Protein backbone atom coordinates (compact mmCIF):
# COMPACT_ATOMS: atom_id res chain seq x y z
CA MET A 1 85.69 87.77 113.15
CA PHE A 2 89.07 87.11 111.58
CA ASP A 3 90.21 83.51 112.00
CA ARG A 4 93.86 82.92 111.14
CA LYS A 5 93.51 79.13 110.83
CA GLU A 6 90.45 79.49 108.61
CA PHE A 7 92.28 81.99 106.39
CA ILE A 8 95.17 79.57 105.86
CA ARG A 9 92.90 76.56 105.39
CA SER A 10 90.65 78.35 102.89
CA PHE A 11 93.36 79.84 100.72
CA SER A 12 95.53 76.74 100.72
CA LEU A 13 92.48 74.77 99.56
CA LEU A 14 91.88 77.43 96.92
CA GLY A 15 95.45 76.87 95.76
CA GLU A 16 94.80 73.15 95.42
CA ARG A 17 91.74 73.81 93.28
CA MET A 18 93.64 76.27 91.09
CA LEU A 19 96.19 73.54 90.41
CA GLU A 20 93.39 71.18 89.43
CA SER A 21 92.35 73.68 86.71
CA PRO A 22 88.54 73.73 87.17
CA PHE A 23 88.49 77.03 85.28
CA TYR A 24 87.95 76.03 81.64
CA MET A 25 85.22 78.58 80.84
CA PRO A 26 86.95 81.57 82.48
CA PHE A 27 90.18 80.61 80.67
CA LEU A 28 88.31 80.44 77.37
CA LYS A 29 86.55 83.79 77.92
CA ALA A 30 89.82 85.41 78.97
CA SER A 31 91.62 84.17 75.86
CA ARG A 32 88.87 85.57 73.64
CA ASP A 33 88.95 88.89 75.47
CA ASN A 34 92.73 89.33 75.60
CA PRO A 35 95.01 87.79 72.95
CA PHE A 36 97.90 87.69 75.44
CA PHE A 37 95.94 85.39 77.76
CA THR A 38 96.62 82.14 75.95
CA LEU A 39 95.71 78.88 77.64
CA HIS A 40 99.39 78.21 78.35
CA MET A 41 99.97 81.62 79.92
CA THR A 42 96.83 81.57 82.04
CA LYS A 43 97.50 78.05 83.31
CA THR A 44 101.05 79.09 84.13
CA ALA A 45 99.84 82.16 86.03
CA PHE A 46 97.35 80.12 88.07
CA ARG A 47 100.00 77.51 88.87
CA ASN A 48 102.44 80.18 90.01
CA ILE A 49 99.79 81.81 92.22
CA ALA A 50 98.93 78.49 93.81
CA GLU A 51 102.52 77.42 94.40
CA LYS A 52 104.03 80.75 95.44
CA TYR A 53 101.20 82.51 97.27
CA LEU A 54 98.85 79.82 98.53
CA SER A 55 101.02 77.23 100.21
CA GLU A 56 100.57 77.09 103.98
CA ASP A 57 104.11 78.42 104.51
CA ALA A 58 103.54 81.35 102.14
CA LEU A 59 100.24 82.23 103.82
CA GLU A 60 101.81 82.06 107.28
CA ARG A 61 104.58 84.36 106.08
CA LEU A 62 102.11 86.80 104.58
CA LEU A 63 100.06 86.94 107.78
CA SER A 64 103.17 87.60 109.84
CA TYR A 65 103.50 91.04 108.23
CA SER A 66 100.29 92.23 109.85
CA ASP A 67 100.89 90.66 113.24
CA SER A 68 100.74 93.34 115.92
CA PRO A 69 103.17 92.73 118.78
CA GLY A 70 101.75 92.82 122.26
CA GLU A 71 98.11 92.18 121.44
CA ASP A 72 95.82 89.43 120.24
CA ILE A 73 96.44 88.98 116.51
CA ASN A 74 92.86 88.15 115.57
CA LEU A 75 91.44 91.05 117.58
CA PHE A 76 93.91 93.33 115.81
CA ARG A 77 92.60 92.25 112.43
CA ASN A 78 89.01 92.51 113.60
CA ARG A 79 89.62 96.23 114.05
CA MET A 80 90.29 96.32 110.32
CA GLU A 81 87.10 94.55 109.27
CA GLU A 82 85.20 97.70 108.33
CA LYS A 83 88.11 99.24 106.44
CA ILE A 84 87.69 99.28 102.66
CA VAL A 85 90.67 99.07 100.36
CA PHE A 86 90.03 99.95 96.73
CA ILE A 87 92.17 97.95 94.30
CA ILE A 88 92.55 99.11 90.71
CA MET A 89 93.95 96.05 89.01
CA ALA A 90 96.25 95.83 86.01
CA GLY A 91 95.50 93.50 83.12
CA ASN A 92 98.88 92.85 81.52
CA ILE A 93 99.35 89.38 83.08
CA PRO A 94 96.59 86.86 83.89
CA ALA A 95 95.14 87.48 87.38
CA VAL A 96 98.05 89.77 88.25
CA GLY A 97 95.89 91.64 90.75
CA PHE A 98 95.32 88.56 92.89
CA HIS A 99 98.28 89.24 95.17
CA ASP A 100 96.98 92.70 96.09
CA MET A 101 93.60 91.18 96.92
CA LEU A 102 95.20 88.47 99.05
CA CYS A 103 97.30 91.04 100.91
CA VAL A 104 94.23 93.16 101.68
CA LEU A 105 92.23 90.19 102.97
CA SER A 106 95.17 89.10 105.13
CA THR A 107 94.85 92.37 107.06
CA GLY A 108 91.17 91.76 107.80
CA ALA A 109 90.04 94.62 105.55
CA ARG A 110 87.52 94.46 102.73
CA ALA A 111 88.67 94.51 99.10
CA ARG A 112 86.72 96.61 96.61
CA VAL A 113 88.04 95.70 93.17
CA LYS A 114 88.05 97.60 89.89
CA LEU A 115 88.91 95.04 87.23
CA SER A 116 91.01 95.86 84.20
CA SER A 117 89.08 95.77 80.93
CA LYS A 118 91.81 93.36 79.76
CA ASP A 119 91.21 90.87 82.58
CA ARG A 120 87.49 90.70 83.37
CA PHE A 121 86.95 87.01 84.04
CA LEU A 122 89.85 85.45 85.94
CA ILE A 123 89.68 87.25 89.30
CA PRO A 124 85.87 86.81 89.59
CA SER A 125 86.28 83.11 88.81
CA ILE A 126 88.82 82.80 91.64
CA VAL A 127 86.48 84.61 94.04
CA ASP A 128 83.63 82.31 92.96
CA CYS A 129 85.83 79.32 93.78
CA LEU A 130 86.71 80.86 97.14
CA MET A 131 82.97 81.33 97.81
CA GLU A 132 82.53 77.55 97.65
CA ILE A 133 85.30 77.13 100.23
CA SER A 134 84.72 80.10 102.54
CA PRO A 135 81.66 82.30 101.89
CA GLU A 136 82.74 84.64 104.68
CA LEU A 137 86.13 85.39 103.12
CA ALA A 138 84.73 85.65 99.60
CA SER A 139 82.03 88.05 100.77
CA ARG A 140 84.76 90.50 101.75
CA VAL A 141 85.50 91.04 98.05
CA SER A 142 83.23 93.21 95.90
CA PHE A 143 83.58 94.47 92.35
CA GLU A 144 83.20 98.13 91.40
CA GLU A 145 81.16 98.77 88.27
CA ASP A 146 80.96 102.58 88.42
CA SER A 147 83.31 104.15 85.89
CA ILE A 148 83.33 107.49 87.72
CA LEU A 149 85.81 106.53 90.41
CA SER A 150 85.81 109.96 92.07
CA ARG A 151 82.43 109.02 93.57
CA LEU A 152 84.33 106.69 95.87
CA VAL A 153 86.11 109.54 97.65
CA GLY A 154 85.07 109.39 101.30
CA LYS A 155 83.94 105.76 100.94
CA ILE A 156 87.34 104.04 100.91
CA ASP A 157 90.19 103.97 103.39
CA PHE A 158 93.09 103.12 101.09
CA LEU A 159 93.83 102.72 97.39
CA LEU A 160 96.09 100.18 95.66
CA PHE A 161 97.00 100.74 92.03
CA SER A 162 99.29 99.27 89.38
CA GLY A 163 99.52 100.79 85.93
CA SER A 164 101.00 103.59 83.87
CA ASP A 165 102.72 106.69 85.22
CA SER A 166 100.11 108.93 83.59
CA THR A 167 97.21 107.13 85.29
CA LYS A 168 99.13 107.17 88.56
CA SER A 169 99.31 110.98 88.39
CA LEU A 170 95.62 111.27 87.56
CA LEU A 171 94.65 109.12 90.54
CA LYS A 172 96.46 111.40 92.94
CA ASP A 173 94.35 114.28 91.62
CA GLU A 174 91.14 112.22 91.60
CA PHE A 175 91.54 110.94 95.17
CA PRO A 176 92.94 113.91 97.09
CA GLY A 177 93.81 113.04 100.66
CA VAL A 178 93.17 109.31 100.21
CA PRO A 179 96.22 107.29 101.30
CA MET A 180 97.43 105.09 98.48
CA LEU A 181 100.13 102.83 97.16
CA ALA A 182 100.32 103.62 93.45
CA ARG A 183 102.85 101.83 91.25
CA GLY A 184 103.81 103.18 87.85
CA SER A 185 105.90 101.94 84.92
CA ARG A 186 109.04 99.93 85.72
CA PHE A 187 111.32 97.47 83.97
CA SER A 188 113.56 94.59 84.99
CA LEU A 189 117.07 93.81 83.80
CA GLY A 190 119.21 90.72 83.62
CA VAL A 191 122.95 90.69 84.21
CA LEU A 192 125.00 87.90 82.62
CA ASP A 193 128.56 87.08 83.65
CA GLY A 194 129.44 84.92 80.64
CA ASN A 195 129.41 81.61 82.50
CA GLU A 196 125.76 80.83 81.75
CA THR A 197 124.90 77.39 80.40
CA ASP A 198 122.43 76.84 77.58
CA GLU A 199 119.90 75.83 80.25
CA ASP A 200 120.47 79.13 82.06
CA LEU A 201 119.82 81.03 78.83
CA ALA A 202 116.63 79.03 78.18
CA ARG A 203 115.42 80.14 81.62
CA LEU A 204 116.40 83.71 80.74
CA ALA A 205 114.29 83.41 77.59
CA GLU A 206 111.29 82.50 79.73
CA ASP A 207 111.97 85.50 81.95
CA MET A 208 111.98 87.69 78.84
CA PHE A 209 109.04 86.27 76.91
CA LEU A 210 106.62 84.55 79.27
CA TYR A 211 103.35 86.54 79.05
CA GLY A 212 104.70 88.08 75.83
CA GLY A 213 107.24 90.11 77.76
CA MET A 214 104.48 92.02 79.49
CA GLY A 215 104.76 93.08 83.12
CA CYS A 216 107.42 94.98 85.04
CA ARG A 217 109.11 91.75 86.20
CA SER A 218 109.73 90.54 82.65
CA ILE A 219 113.38 91.09 81.73
CA SER A 220 113.50 93.65 78.92
CA TYR A 221 117.09 94.87 79.29
CA LEU A 222 120.32 92.87 79.39
CA PHE A 223 123.88 93.56 80.47
CA LEU A 224 126.29 91.26 78.65
CA PRO A 225 130.02 90.89 79.31
CA GLN A 226 132.19 92.27 76.54
CA GLY A 227 132.69 89.63 73.86
CA PHE A 228 129.59 87.60 74.79
CA ASP A 229 128.16 85.68 71.81
CA ILE A 230 124.69 87.18 71.57
CA GLN A 231 123.60 84.50 69.12
CA ARG A 232 123.47 82.16 72.12
CA ILE A 233 120.53 84.19 73.42
CA VAL A 234 118.83 84.06 70.02
CA LYS A 235 119.22 80.29 69.89
CA ALA A 236 118.07 79.74 73.48
CA SER A 237 114.99 81.90 72.93
CA GLN A 238 113.55 79.79 70.13
CA CYS A 239 111.83 77.61 72.72
CA MET A 240 109.47 80.51 73.47
CA GLU A 241 108.36 81.19 69.90
CA MET A 242 105.63 78.55 69.90
CA HIS A 243 103.97 80.19 72.92
CA LEU A 244 103.85 83.57 71.16
CA ALA A 245 102.99 82.45 67.63
CA GLY A 246 99.23 82.97 68.04
CA ILE A 247 99.40 86.39 69.70
CA GLU A 248 98.62 88.83 66.91
CA PRO A 249 99.63 92.08 68.71
CA PHE A 250 103.05 90.58 69.47
CA ARG A 251 103.46 89.34 65.88
CA TRP A 252 102.43 92.68 64.35
CA SER A 253 104.78 94.56 66.65
CA TYR A 254 107.63 92.29 65.54
CA LEU A 255 106.72 92.80 61.87
CA LYS A 256 106.58 96.57 62.37
CA LEU A 257 110.04 96.53 63.97
CA LYS A 258 111.31 94.38 61.09
CA ALA A 259 110.05 96.90 58.56
CA ILE A 260 111.74 99.73 60.46
CA CYS A 261 115.00 97.78 60.48
CA VAL A 262 114.85 97.25 56.72
CA ILE A 263 113.90 100.83 55.89
CA ASP A 264 116.38 102.48 58.26
CA ASP A 265 119.09 99.80 57.86
CA LEU A 266 119.37 99.34 61.64
CA PRO A 267 121.91 96.89 63.08
CA TRP A 268 119.38 95.09 65.23
CA ILE A 269 119.60 91.33 65.66
CA ASP A 270 116.62 89.42 64.31
CA GLY A 271 115.64 86.52 66.57
CA SER A 272 112.95 85.31 64.10
CA PHE A 273 110.11 86.43 66.40
CA PHE A 274 111.78 89.25 68.35
CA PHE A 275 114.62 91.75 68.03
CA LEU A 276 117.68 92.48 70.12
CA GLU A 277 118.74 96.13 70.07
CA GLU A 278 121.92 97.56 71.53
CA SER A 279 120.90 100.68 73.44
CA ASP A 280 121.43 102.49 76.72
CA VAL A 281 117.72 103.38 76.90
CA PRO A 282 115.30 101.01 78.75
CA PHE A 283 111.61 100.35 78.02
CA PRO A 284 111.89 98.80 74.54
CA PRO A 285 108.81 98.34 72.34
CA LEU A 286 106.86 95.08 72.38
CA GLY A 287 108.82 92.33 70.65
CA CYS A 288 112.22 93.83 71.44
CA VAL A 289 114.81 93.33 74.18
CA ARG A 290 117.55 95.91 74.61
CA TYR A 291 121.08 95.19 75.73
CA ALA A 292 124.46 96.73 76.47
CA PHE A 293 127.94 95.26 76.78
CA TYR A 294 129.93 96.02 79.92
CA ARG A 295 133.58 95.83 80.88
CA SER A 296 133.22 96.37 84.62
CA SER A 297 130.49 96.17 87.25
CA SER A 298 130.79 99.92 87.78
CA GLU A 299 129.04 100.47 84.44
CA ILE A 300 126.09 98.41 85.65
CA ASP A 301 126.07 100.23 88.99
CA SER A 302 126.01 103.58 87.22
CA PHE A 303 123.08 102.50 85.00
CA CYS A 304 121.13 101.17 87.99
CA SER A 305 121.76 104.33 89.97
CA PHE A 306 120.54 106.53 87.12
CA HIS A 307 117.38 104.42 86.66
CA ARG A 308 116.84 103.51 90.32
CA ASP A 309 113.25 104.78 90.33
CA GLU A 310 112.40 102.81 87.19
CA ILE A 311 113.91 99.39 87.95
CA GLN A 312 111.65 96.70 89.34
CA LYS A 313 114.25 93.95 89.73
CA LYS A 314 117.82 93.12 88.73
CA TYR A 315 118.28 89.40 88.01
CA THR A 316 121.52 87.44 87.93
CA ASN A 317 119.84 84.03 88.23
CA PHE A 318 117.11 83.20 85.78
CA GLY A 319 113.86 81.27 85.54
CA ASN A 320 111.79 82.81 88.34
CA ALA A 321 111.19 86.40 87.27
CA GLN A 322 107.46 85.72 86.92
CA ARG A 323 107.32 83.42 89.94
CA PRO A 324 107.90 85.90 92.78
CA GLU A 325 107.62 84.87 96.39
CA THR A 326 104.67 86.26 98.31
CA ASP A 327 106.90 88.83 100.05
CA ASP A 328 108.89 89.82 96.97
CA TRP A 329 106.95 93.07 96.99
CA MET A 330 106.28 95.13 93.88
CA ASP A 331 108.56 98.19 93.84
CA GLY A 332 110.12 96.79 97.02
CA ILE A 333 107.30 98.27 99.12
CA ASN A 334 105.54 96.00 101.62
CA THR A 335 101.91 95.93 100.46
CA VAL A 336 100.49 94.60 103.74
CA GLN A 337 102.19 97.17 105.93
CA SER A 338 101.27 99.96 103.49
CA VAL A 339 97.60 99.02 103.79
CA LEU A 340 97.77 98.87 107.57
CA GLU A 341 99.57 102.17 107.91
CA GLY A 342 97.32 103.84 105.37
CA CYS A 343 94.21 102.69 107.18
CA LYS A 344 95.79 103.86 110.47
CA ALA A 345 95.13 100.44 111.97
CA TYR A 346 97.61 101.02 114.74
CA HIS A 347 95.72 104.11 115.93
CA VAL A 348 92.13 102.83 116.02
């Protein structure tokens, strides 16, 4: 039986434990398994999850999205208890799939999780911690080991996915008729007005390079006012170099871009560990941020309109790109309501 108070108590306590960092071994295993999961990045991800998703206020707000007007809330969720939501998790940011799992559990449904090969230890360690707090809630999460996912057709009620556009297309063929929320490749952009302080630009640097620039919320494209001194961004970004120095894939990508610049005599700006490239094309390679100068806001509006199905977020204030609120939904689509509607909870 779903218990709203127990849900909030259990997950808020989980948040407290995640802030206490009792996860040394999972952090160590994750860092050995994925070079992007440095101790700094994984600790940061856990802190952001605890502070943004697992406060009592955030949990109350999340639960409100599955409240059903005119009937007992707990009974409504109890009707969902046999529903199974299959979550195919991404692995580009530490424990990035946690929010999907939390959303599913908030509806009363069961979460069946397919872990990314790049993030095999963090989510199970969180579920293990939850098991110590609430065995009933933790038991509603299971992990799928079968690599032939098509065998799950007819055994799941909804599918949640985050990943590449190509995999997104394959899933629609592999799970015909199964309702799903599948998110593909997106990028985020930052818009500067020229009045930014050095502190603002340091926060922008974190939005660009935290987690190595991975993830659709990381700012990878900039709009700069005409005449903006781009060296200010280079200088402000140096604070992030130390966090990326030990990540070999990032370093080799930067060195590859540097070789291309030398050979082809490209006018890119070398930031000592990354490049800035003037371009009207989004989705730059790893280790590069693209930018364009603008004279009027209409140029930005035109770009955003053209790429409207590819943009995750447009930021004008910086420092929180990778600290989204619990209802700052990916792709702007409410995850909780998508699960409920997909499972036809209102029609049971």
